[in-house]
mmCIF file of all heavy atoms, coordinates in Angstrom:
data_MODEL
# 
_entry.id   MODEL 
# 
loop_
_atom_site.group_PDB 
_atom_site.id 
_atom_site.type_symbol 
_atom_site.label_atom_id 
_atom_site.label_alt_id 
_atom_site.label_comp_id 
_atom_site.label_asym_id 
_atom_site.label_entity_id 
_atom_site.label_seq_id 
_atom_site.pdbx_PDB_ins_code 
_atom_site.Cartn_x 
_atom_site.Cartn_y 
_atom_site.Cartn_z 
_atom_site.occupancy 
_atom_site.B_iso_or_equiv 
_atom_site.pdbx_formal_charge 
_atom_site.auth_seq_id 
_atom_site.auth_comp_id 
_atom_site.auth_asym_id 
_atom_site.auth_atom_id 
_atom_site.pdbx_PDB_model_num 
ATOM 1   N N   . GLN A 1 1  ? -7.204  90.702 -28.072 1.00 0.00 ? 1  GLN A N   1 
ATOM 2   C CA  . GLN A 1 1  ? -6.466  91.502 -27.232 1.00 0.00 ? 1  GLN A CA  1 
ATOM 3   C C   . GLN A 1 1  ? -5.774  90.490 -26.384 1.00 0.00 ? 1  GLN A C   1 
ATOM 4   O O   . GLN A 1 1  ? -6.163  89.441 -26.062 1.00 0.00 ? 1  GLN A O   1 
ATOM 5   C CB  . GLN A 1 1  ? -7.277  92.444 -26.409 1.00 0.00 ? 1  GLN A CB  1 
ATOM 6   C CG  . GLN A 1 1  ? -7.774  93.574 -27.297 1.00 0.00 ? 1  GLN A CG  1 
ATOM 7   C CD  . GLN A 1 1  ? -8.613  94.629 -26.398 1.00 0.00 ? 1  GLN A CD  1 
ATOM 8   O OE1 . GLN A 1 1  ? -9.146  94.272 -25.450 1.00 0.00 ? 1  GLN A OE1 1 
ATOM 9   N NE2 . GLN A 1 1  ? -8.527  95.964 -26.929 1.00 0.00 ? 1  GLN A NE2 1 
ATOM 10  N N   . ALA A 1 2  ? -4.582  90.929 -25.840 1.00 0.00 ? 2  ALA A N   1 
ATOM 11  C CA  . ALA A 1 2  ? -3.807  90.191 -24.806 1.00 0.00 ? 2  ALA A CA  1 
ATOM 12  C C   . ALA A 1 2  ? -4.767  89.799 -23.631 1.00 0.00 ? 2  ALA A C   1 
ATOM 13  O O   . ALA A 1 2  ? -5.503  90.636 -23.173 1.00 0.00 ? 2  ALA A O   1 
ATOM 14  C CB  . ALA A 1 2  ? -2.588  90.927 -24.257 1.00 0.00 ? 2  ALA A CB  1 
ATOM 15  N N   . GLY A 1 3  ? -4.630  88.656 -23.172 1.00 0.00 ? 3  GLY A N   1 
ATOM 16  C CA  . GLY A 1 3  ? -5.484  88.119 -22.183 1.00 0.00 ? 3  GLY A CA  1 
ATOM 17  C C   . GLY A 1 3  ? -6.773  87.422 -22.579 1.00 0.00 ? 3  GLY A C   1 
ATOM 18  O O   . GLY A 1 3  ? -7.552  86.859 -21.869 1.00 0.00 ? 3  GLY A O   1 
ATOM 19  N N   . GLY A 1 4  ? -7.186  87.566 -23.913 1.00 0.00 ? 4  GLY A N   1 
ATOM 20  C CA  . GLY A 1 4  ? -8.262  87.048 -24.462 1.00 0.00 ? 4  GLY A CA  1 
ATOM 21  C C   . GLY A 1 4  ? -8.064  85.521 -24.876 1.00 0.00 ? 4  GLY A C   1 
ATOM 22  O O   . GLY A 1 4  ? -7.071  84.864 -24.496 1.00 0.00 ? 4  GLY A O   1 
ATOM 23  N N   . ALA A 1 5  ? -9.084  85.122 -25.591 1.00 0.00 ? 5  ALA A N   1 
ATOM 24  C CA  . ALA A 1 5  ? -9.150  83.636 -25.909 1.00 0.00 ? 5  ALA A CA  1 
ATOM 25  C C   . ALA A 1 5  ? -9.705  83.404 -27.300 1.00 0.00 ? 5  ALA A C   1 
ATOM 26  O O   . ALA A 1 5  ? -10.415 84.144 -27.751 1.00 0.00 ? 5  ALA A O   1 
ATOM 27  C CB  . ALA A 1 5  ? -10.044 82.932 -24.954 1.00 0.00 ? 5  ALA A CB  1 
ATOM 28  N N   . LEU A 1 6  ? -9.155  82.356 -27.890 1.00 0.00 ? 6  LEU A N   1 
ATOM 29  C CA  . LEU A 1 6  ? -9.595  81.823 -29.206 1.00 0.00 ? 6  LEU A CA  1 
ATOM 30  C C   . LEU A 1 6  ? -9.715  80.343 -29.168 1.00 0.00 ? 6  LEU A C   1 
ATOM 31  O O   . LEU A 1 6  ? -8.953  79.772 -28.452 1.00 0.00 ? 6  LEU A O   1 
ATOM 32  C CB  . LEU A 1 6  ? -8.630  82.224 -30.373 1.00 0.00 ? 6  LEU A CB  1 
ATOM 33  C CG  . LEU A 1 6  ? -8.742  83.748 -30.772 1.00 0.00 ? 6  LEU A CG  1 
ATOM 34  C CD1 . LEU A 1 6  ? -7.549  84.028 -31.806 1.00 0.00 ? 6  LEU A CD1 1 
ATOM 35  C CD2 . LEU A 1 6  ? -9.995  84.182 -31.388 1.00 0.00 ? 6  LEU A CD2 1 
ATOM 36  N N   . LYS A 1 7  ? -10.580 79.931 -29.983 1.00 0.00 ? 7  LYS A N   1 
ATOM 37  C CA  . LYS A 1 7  ? -10.643 78.409 -30.358 1.00 0.00 ? 7  LYS A CA  1 
ATOM 38  C C   . LYS A 1 7  ? -10.458 78.175 -31.702 1.00 0.00 ? 7  LYS A C   1 
ATOM 39  O O   . LYS A 1 7  ? -11.263 78.588 -32.594 1.00 0.00 ? 7  LYS A O   1 
ATOM 40  C CB  . LYS A 1 7  ? -11.986 77.790 -29.816 1.00 0.00 ? 7  LYS A CB  1 
ATOM 41  C CG  . LYS A 1 7  ? -11.925 76.314 -29.838 1.00 0.00 ? 7  LYS A CG  1 
ATOM 42  C CD  . LYS A 1 7  ? -13.285 75.711 -29.251 1.00 0.00 ? 7  LYS A CD  1 
ATOM 43  C CE  . LYS A 1 7  ? -13.295 74.186 -29.338 1.00 0.00 ? 7  LYS A CE  1 
ATOM 44  N NZ  . LYS A 1 7  ? -14.494 73.685 -28.529 1.00 0.00 ? 7  LYS A NZ  1 
ATOM 45  N N   . LEU A 1 8  ? -9.360  77.379 -32.141 1.00 0.00 ? 8  LEU A N   1 
ATOM 46  C CA  . LEU A 1 8  ? -9.084  76.947 -33.372 1.00 0.00 ? 8  LEU A CA  1 
ATOM 47  C C   . LEU A 1 8  ? -9.686  75.670 -33.699 1.00 0.00 ? 8  LEU A C   1 
ATOM 48  O O   . LEU A 1 8  ? -9.763  74.726 -32.853 1.00 0.00 ? 8  LEU A O   1 
ATOM 49  C CB  . LEU A 1 8  ? -7.638  76.864 -33.666 1.00 0.00 ? 8  LEU A CB  1 
ATOM 50  C CG  . LEU A 1 8  ? -6.886  78.206 -33.337 1.00 0.00 ? 8  LEU A CG  1 
ATOM 51  C CD1 . LEU A 1 8  ? -5.430  77.984 -33.824 1.00 0.00 ? 8  LEU A CD1 1 
ATOM 52  C CD2 . LEU A 1 8  ? -7.500  79.426 -34.050 1.00 0.00 ? 8  LEU A CD2 1 
ATOM 53  N N   . SER A 1 9  ? -10.103 75.424 -34.913 1.00 0.00 ? 9  SER A N   1 
ATOM 54  C CA  . SER A 1 9  ? -10.840 74.134 -35.330 1.00 0.00 ? 9  SER A CA  1 
ATOM 55  C C   . SER A 1 9  ? -10.125 73.686 -36.599 1.00 0.00 ? 9  SER A C   1 
ATOM 56  O O   . SER A 1 9  ? -9.723  74.516 -37.526 1.00 0.00 ? 9  SER A O   1 
ATOM 57  C CB  . SER A 1 9  ? -12.342 74.278 -35.546 1.00 0.00 ? 9  SER A CB  1 
ATOM 58  O OG  . SER A 1 9  ? -13.032 74.669 -34.425 1.00 0.00 ? 9  SER A OG  1 
ATOM 59  N N   . CYS A 1 10 ? -9.993  72.353 -36.816 1.00 0.00 ? 10 CYS A N   1 
ATOM 60  C CA  . CYS A 1 10 ? -9.423  71.851 -38.049 1.00 0.00 ? 10 CYS A CA  1 
ATOM 61  C C   . CYS A 1 10 ? -10.242 70.546 -38.353 1.00 0.00 ? 10 CYS A C   1 
ATOM 62  O O   . CYS A 1 10 ? -10.436 69.773 -37.507 1.00 0.00 ? 10 CYS A O   1 
ATOM 63  C CB  . CYS A 1 10 ? -7.946  71.488 -37.856 1.00 0.00 ? 10 CYS A CB  1 
ATOM 64  S SG  . CYS A 1 10 ? -7.220  70.675 -39.173 1.00 0.00 ? 10 CYS A SG  1 
ATOM 65  N N   . ALA A 1 11 ? -10.759 70.571 -39.639 1.00 0.00 ? 11 ALA A N   1 
ATOM 66  C CA  . ALA A 1 11 ? -11.573 69.493 -40.036 1.00 0.00 ? 11 ALA A CA  1 
ATOM 67  C C   . ALA A 1 11 ? -10.747 68.685 -41.225 1.00 0.00 ? 11 ALA A C   1 
ATOM 68  O O   . ALA A 1 11 ? -10.222 69.314 -42.084 1.00 0.00 ? 11 ALA A O   1 
ATOM 69  C CB  . ALA A 1 11 ? -12.895 69.915 -40.625 1.00 0.00 ? 11 ALA A CB  1 
ATOM 70  N N   . ALA A 1 12 ? -10.661 67.393 -41.077 1.00 0.00 ? 12 ALA A N   1 
ATOM 71  C CA  . ALA A 1 12 ? -9.930  66.585 -42.003 1.00 0.00 ? 12 ALA A CA  1 
ATOM 72  C C   . ALA A 1 12 ? -10.860 65.966 -42.907 1.00 0.00 ? 12 ALA A C   1 
ATOM 73  O O   . ALA A 1 12 ? -11.996 65.521 -42.578 1.00 0.00 ? 12 ALA A O   1 
ATOM 74  C CB  . ALA A 1 12 ? -9.030  65.491 -41.380 1.00 0.00 ? 12 ALA A CB  1 
ATOM 75  N N   . SER A 1 13 ? -10.450 65.679 -44.149 1.00 0.00 ? 13 SER A N   1 
ATOM 76  C CA  . SER A 1 13 ? -11.290 64.965 -45.168 1.00 0.00 ? 13 SER A CA  1 
ATOM 77  C C   . SER A 1 13 ? -10.385 64.118 -45.982 1.00 0.00 ? 13 SER A C   1 
ATOM 78  O O   . SER A 1 13 ? -9.176  64.233 -45.940 1.00 0.00 ? 13 SER A O   1 
ATOM 79  C CB  . SER A 1 13 ? -12.140 65.938 -46.079 1.00 0.00 ? 13 SER A CB  1 
ATOM 80  O OG  . SER A 1 13 ? -11.281 66.861 -46.722 1.00 0.00 ? 13 SER A OG  1 
ATOM 81  N N   . GLY A 1 14 ? -10.954 63.231 -46.816 1.00 0.00 ? 14 GLY A N   1 
ATOM 82  C CA  . GLY A 1 14 ? -10.102 62.402 -47.655 1.00 0.00 ? 14 GLY A CA  1 
ATOM 83  C C   . GLY A 1 14 ? -9.899  60.955 -47.009 1.00 0.00 ? 14 GLY A C   1 
ATOM 84  O O   . GLY A 1 14 ? -10.948 60.454 -46.426 1.00 0.00 ? 14 GLY A O   1 
ATOM 85  N N   . SER A 1 15 ? -8.773  60.463 -46.884 1.00 0.00 ? 15 SER A N   1 
ATOM 86  C CA  . SER A 1 15 ? -8.473  59.184 -46.314 1.00 0.00 ? 15 SER A CA  1 
ATOM 87  C C   . SER A 1 15 ? -8.227  59.351 -44.778 1.00 0.00 ? 15 SER A C   1 
ATOM 88  O O   . SER A 1 15 ? -7.175  59.060 -44.171 1.00 0.00 ? 15 SER A O   1 
ATOM 89  C CB  . SER A 1 15 ? -7.295  58.612 -46.948 1.00 0.00 ? 15 SER A CB  1 
ATOM 90  O OG  . SER A 1 15 ? -7.333  58.453 -48.346 1.00 0.00 ? 15 SER A OG  1 
ATOM 91  N N   . THR A 1 16 ? -9.278  59.746 -44.193 1.00 0.00 ? 16 THR A N   1 
ATOM 92  C CA  . THR A 1 16 ? -9.281  60.010 -42.638 1.00 0.00 ? 16 THR A CA  1 
ATOM 93  C C   . THR A 1 16 ? -8.994  58.926 -41.805 1.00 0.00 ? 16 THR A C   1 
ATOM 94  O O   . THR A 1 16 ? -8.573  58.923 -40.723 1.00 0.00 ? 16 THR A O   1 
ATOM 95  C CB  . THR A 1 16 ? -10.523 60.768 -42.238 1.00 0.00 ? 16 THR A CB  1 
ATOM 96  O OG1 . THR A 1 16 ? -11.628 60.081 -42.484 1.00 0.00 ? 16 THR A OG1 1 
ATOM 97  C CG2 . THR A 1 16 ? -10.580 62.212 -42.889 1.00 0.00 ? 16 THR A CG2 1 
ATOM 98  N N   . ILE A 1 17 ? -9.416  57.652 -42.388 1.00 0.00 ? 17 ILE A N   1 
ATOM 99  C CA  . ILE A 1 17 ? -9.168  56.434 -41.530 1.00 0.00 ? 17 ILE A CA  1 
ATOM 100 C C   . ILE A 1 17 ? -7.709  56.193 -41.356 1.00 0.00 ? 17 ILE A C   1 
ATOM 101 O O   . ILE A 1 17 ? -7.464  55.529 -40.381 1.00 0.00 ? 17 ILE A O   1 
ATOM 102 C CB  . ILE A 1 17 ? -9.824  55.211 -42.317 1.00 0.00 ? 17 ILE A CB  1 
ATOM 103 C CG1 . ILE A 1 17 ? -9.913  54.038 -41.384 1.00 0.00 ? 17 ILE A CG1 1 
ATOM 104 C CG2 . ILE A 1 17 ? -9.114  54.926 -43.618 1.00 0.00 ? 17 ILE A CG2 1 
ATOM 105 C CD1 . ILE A 1 17 ? -10.683 52.885 -42.011 1.00 0.00 ? 17 ILE A CD1 1 
ATOM 106 N N   . SER A 1 18 ? -6.877  56.848 -42.106 1.00 0.00 ? 18 SER A N   1 
ATOM 107 C CA  . SER A 1 18 ? -5.438  56.556 -42.016 1.00 0.00 ? 18 SER A CA  1 
ATOM 108 C C   . SER A 1 18 ? -4.832  57.512 -40.934 1.00 0.00 ? 18 SER A C   1 
ATOM 109 O O   . SER A 1 18 ? -3.549  57.364 -40.616 1.00 0.00 ? 18 SER A O   1 
ATOM 110 C CB  . SER A 1 18 ? -4.711  56.814 -43.342 1.00 0.00 ? 18 SER A CB  1 
ATOM 111 O OG  . SER A 1 18 ? -4.736  58.322 -43.701 1.00 0.00 ? 18 SER A OG  1 
ATOM 112 N N   . ILE A 1 19 ? -5.476  58.430 -40.352 1.00 0.00 ? 19 ILE A N   1 
ATOM 113 C CA  . ILE A 1 19 ? -4.929  59.489 -39.438 1.00 0.00 ? 19 ILE A CA  1 
ATOM 114 C C   . ILE A 1 19 ? -4.754  58.834 -37.997 1.00 0.00 ? 19 ILE A C   1 
ATOM 115 O O   . ILE A 1 19 ? -5.661  58.288 -37.498 1.00 0.00 ? 19 ILE A O   1 
ATOM 116 C CB  . ILE A 1 19 ? -5.812  60.706 -39.343 1.00 0.00 ? 19 ILE A CB  1 
ATOM 117 C CG1 . ILE A 1 19 ? -5.884  61.307 -40.750 1.00 0.00 ? 19 ILE A CG1 1 
ATOM 118 C CG2 . ILE A 1 19 ? -5.245  61.626 -38.300 1.00 0.00 ? 19 ILE A CG2 1 
ATOM 119 C CD1 . ILE A 1 19 ? -6.862  62.518 -40.766 1.00 0.00 ? 19 ILE A CD1 1 
ATOM 120 N N   . ASN A 1 20 ? -3.571  59.123 -37.504 1.00 0.00 ? 20 ASN A N   1 
ATOM 121 C CA  . ASN A 1 20 ? -3.326  58.792 -36.130 1.00 0.00 ? 20 ASN A CA  1 
ATOM 122 C C   . ASN A 1 20 ? -3.056  60.036 -35.350 1.00 0.00 ? 20 ASN A C   1 
ATOM 123 O O   . ASN A 1 20 ? -3.988  60.398 -34.493 1.00 0.00 ? 20 ASN A O   1 
ATOM 124 C CB  . ASN A 1 20 ? -1.995  57.965 -35.905 1.00 0.00 ? 20 ASN A CB  1 
ATOM 125 C CG  . ASN A 1 20 ? -1.663  57.643 -34.536 1.00 0.00 ? 20 ASN A CG  1 
ATOM 126 O OD1 . ASN A 1 20 ? -2.519  57.657 -33.599 1.00 0.00 ? 20 ASN A OD1 1 
ATOM 127 N ND2 . ASN A 1 20 ? -0.398  57.390 -34.194 1.00 0.00 ? 20 ASN A ND2 1 
ATOM 128 N N   . ILE A 1 21 ? -2.056  60.856 -35.570 1.00 0.00 ? 21 ILE A N   1 
ATOM 129 C CA  . ILE A 1 21 ? -1.795  62.088 -34.853 1.00 0.00 ? 21 ILE A CA  1 
ATOM 130 C C   . ILE A 1 21 ? -2.514  63.178 -35.554 1.00 0.00 ? 21 ILE A C   1 
ATOM 131 O O   . ILE A 1 21 ? -2.523  63.358 -36.764 1.00 0.00 ? 21 ILE A O   1 
ATOM 132 C CB  . ILE A 1 21 ? -0.346  62.448 -34.797 1.00 0.00 ? 21 ILE A CB  1 
ATOM 133 C CG1 . ILE A 1 21 ? 0.357   61.241 -34.156 1.00 0.00 ? 21 ILE A CG1 1 
ATOM 134 C CG2 . ILE A 1 21 ? -0.014  63.692 -34.198 1.00 0.00 ? 21 ILE A CG2 1 
ATOM 135 C CD1 . ILE A 1 21 ? 0.149   61.060 -32.690 1.00 0.00 ? 21 ILE A CD1 1 
ATOM 136 N N   . MET A 1 22 ? -3.090  64.125 -34.783 1.00 0.00 ? 22 MET A N   1 
ATOM 137 C CA  . MET A 1 22 ? -3.525  65.397 -35.227 1.00 0.00 ? 22 MET A CA  1 
ATOM 138 C C   . MET A 1 22 ? -3.045  66.565 -34.261 1.00 0.00 ? 22 MET A C   1 
ATOM 139 O O   . MET A 1 22 ? -2.954  66.239 -33.045 1.00 0.00 ? 22 MET A O   1 
ATOM 140 C CB  . MET A 1 22 ? -5.080  65.455 -35.293 1.00 0.00 ? 22 MET A CB  1 
ATOM 141 C CG  . MET A 1 22 ? -5.566  64.502 -36.319 1.00 0.00 ? 22 MET A CG  1 
ATOM 142 S SD  . MET A 1 22 ? -7.395  64.910 -36.679 1.00 0.00 ? 22 MET A SD  1 
ATOM 143 C CE  . MET A 1 22 ? -7.392  66.312 -37.662 1.00 0.00 ? 22 MET A CE  1 
ATOM 144 N N   . GLY A 1 23 ? -2.881  67.727 -34.802 1.00 0.00 ? 23 GLY A N   1 
ATOM 145 C CA  . GLY A 1 23 ? -2.524  68.730 -33.787 1.00 0.00 ? 23 GLY A CA  1 
ATOM 146 C C   . GLY A 1 23 ? -2.151  70.065 -34.583 1.00 0.00 ? 23 GLY A C   1 
ATOM 147 O O   . GLY A 1 23 ? -2.635  70.402 -35.670 1.00 0.00 ? 23 GLY A O   1 
ATOM 148 N N   . TRP A 1 24 ? -1.338  70.946 -33.923 1.00 0.00 ? 24 TRP A N   1 
ATOM 149 C CA  . TRP A 1 24 ? -1.052  72.247 -34.351 1.00 0.00 ? 24 TRP A CA  1 
ATOM 150 C C   . TRP A 1 24 ? 0.356   72.729 -34.299 1.00 0.00 ? 24 TRP A C   1 
ATOM 151 O O   . TRP A 1 24 ? 1.019   72.267 -33.208 1.00 0.00 ? 24 TRP A O   1 
ATOM 152 C CB  . TRP A 1 24 ? -1.916  73.265 -33.437 1.00 0.00 ? 24 TRP A CB  1 
ATOM 153 C CG  . TRP A 1 24 ? -3.335  73.065 -33.555 1.00 0.00 ? 24 TRP A CG  1 
ATOM 154 C CD1 . TRP A 1 24 ? -4.189  72.179 -32.864 1.00 0.00 ? 24 TRP A CD1 1 
ATOM 155 C CD2 . TRP A 1 24 ? -4.280  73.711 -34.592 1.00 0.00 ? 24 TRP A CD2 1 
ATOM 156 N NE1 . TRP A 1 24 ? -5.382  72.279 -33.267 1.00 0.00 ? 24 TRP A NE1 1 
ATOM 157 C CE2 . TRP A 1 24 ? -5.569  73.133 -34.293 1.00 0.00 ? 24 TRP A CE2 1 
ATOM 158 C CE3 . TRP A 1 24 ? -4.109  74.627 -35.459 1.00 0.00 ? 24 TRP A CE3 1 
ATOM 159 C CZ2 . TRP A 1 24 ? -6.599  73.538 -35.094 1.00 0.00 ? 24 TRP A CZ2 1 
ATOM 160 C CZ3 . TRP A 1 24 ? -5.154  74.924 -36.361 1.00 0.00 ? 24 TRP A CZ3 1 
ATOM 161 C CH2 . TRP A 1 24 ? -6.383  74.426 -36.035 1.00 0.00 ? 24 TRP A CH2 1 
ATOM 162 N N   . TYR A 1 25 ? 0.712   73.351 -35.237 1.00 0.00 ? 25 TYR A N   1 
ATOM 163 C CA  . TYR A 1 25 ? 2.176   74.067 -35.212 1.00 0.00 ? 25 TYR A CA  1 
ATOM 164 C C   . TYR A 1 25 ? 1.793   75.411 -35.501 1.00 0.00 ? 25 TYR A C   1 
ATOM 165 O O   . TYR A 1 25 ? 0.812   75.823 -35.889 1.00 0.00 ? 25 TYR A O   1 
ATOM 166 C CB  . TYR A 1 25 ? 3.083   73.391 -36.308 1.00 0.00 ? 25 TYR A CB  1 
ATOM 167 C CG  . TYR A 1 25 ? 3.791   72.201 -35.903 1.00 0.00 ? 25 TYR A CG  1 
ATOM 168 C CD1 . TYR A 1 25 ? 3.116   70.984 -35.712 1.00 0.00 ? 25 TYR A CD1 1 
ATOM 169 C CD2 . TYR A 1 25 ? 5.163   72.199 -35.815 1.00 0.00 ? 25 TYR A CD2 1 
ATOM 170 C CE1 . TYR A 1 25 ? 3.747   69.786 -35.405 1.00 0.00 ? 25 TYR A CE1 1 
ATOM 171 C CE2 . TYR A 1 25 ? 5.802   70.980 -35.434 1.00 0.00 ? 25 TYR A CE2 1 
ATOM 172 C CZ  . TYR A 1 25 ? 5.112   69.844 -35.277 1.00 0.00 ? 25 TYR A CZ  1 
ATOM 173 O OH  . TYR A 1 25 ? 5.768   68.709 -34.884 1.00 0.00 ? 25 TYR A OH  1 
ATOM 174 N N   . ARG A 1 26 ? 2.849   76.327 -35.198 1.00 0.00 ? 26 ARG A N   1 
ATOM 175 C CA  . ARG A 1 26 ? 2.698   77.697 -35.592 1.00 0.00 ? 26 ARG A CA  1 
ATOM 176 C C   . ARG A 1 26 ? 3.997   78.303 -36.013 1.00 0.00 ? 26 ARG A C   1 
ATOM 177 O O   . ARG A 1 26 ? 5.001   77.706 -35.774 1.00 0.00 ? 26 ARG A O   1 
ATOM 178 C CB  . ARG A 1 26 ? 2.211   78.548 -34.380 1.00 0.00 ? 26 ARG A CB  1 
ATOM 179 C CG  . ARG A 1 26 ? 3.163   78.569 -33.176 1.00 0.00 ? 26 ARG A CG  1 
ATOM 180 C CD  . ARG A 1 26 ? 2.646   79.243 -31.994 1.00 0.00 ? 26 ARG A CD  1 
ATOM 181 N NE  . ARG A 1 26 ? 3.534   79.470 -31.004 1.00 0.00 ? 26 ARG A NE  1 
ATOM 182 C CZ  . ARG A 1 26 ? 3.228   79.847 -29.713 1.00 0.00 ? 26 ARG A CZ  1 
ATOM 183 N NH1 . ARG A 1 26 ? 1.969   80.304 -29.468 1.00 0.00 ? 26 ARG A NH1 1 
ATOM 184 N NH2 . ARG A 1 26 ? 4.096   80.003 -28.719 1.00 0.00 ? 26 ARG A NH2 1 
# 
């Protein structure tokens, strides 16, 4: 509902050592 809250999670796998930026688009 409006005014509420959520927490999104994202887990990476594979060649994770290569990752610099992480984030979210919609």
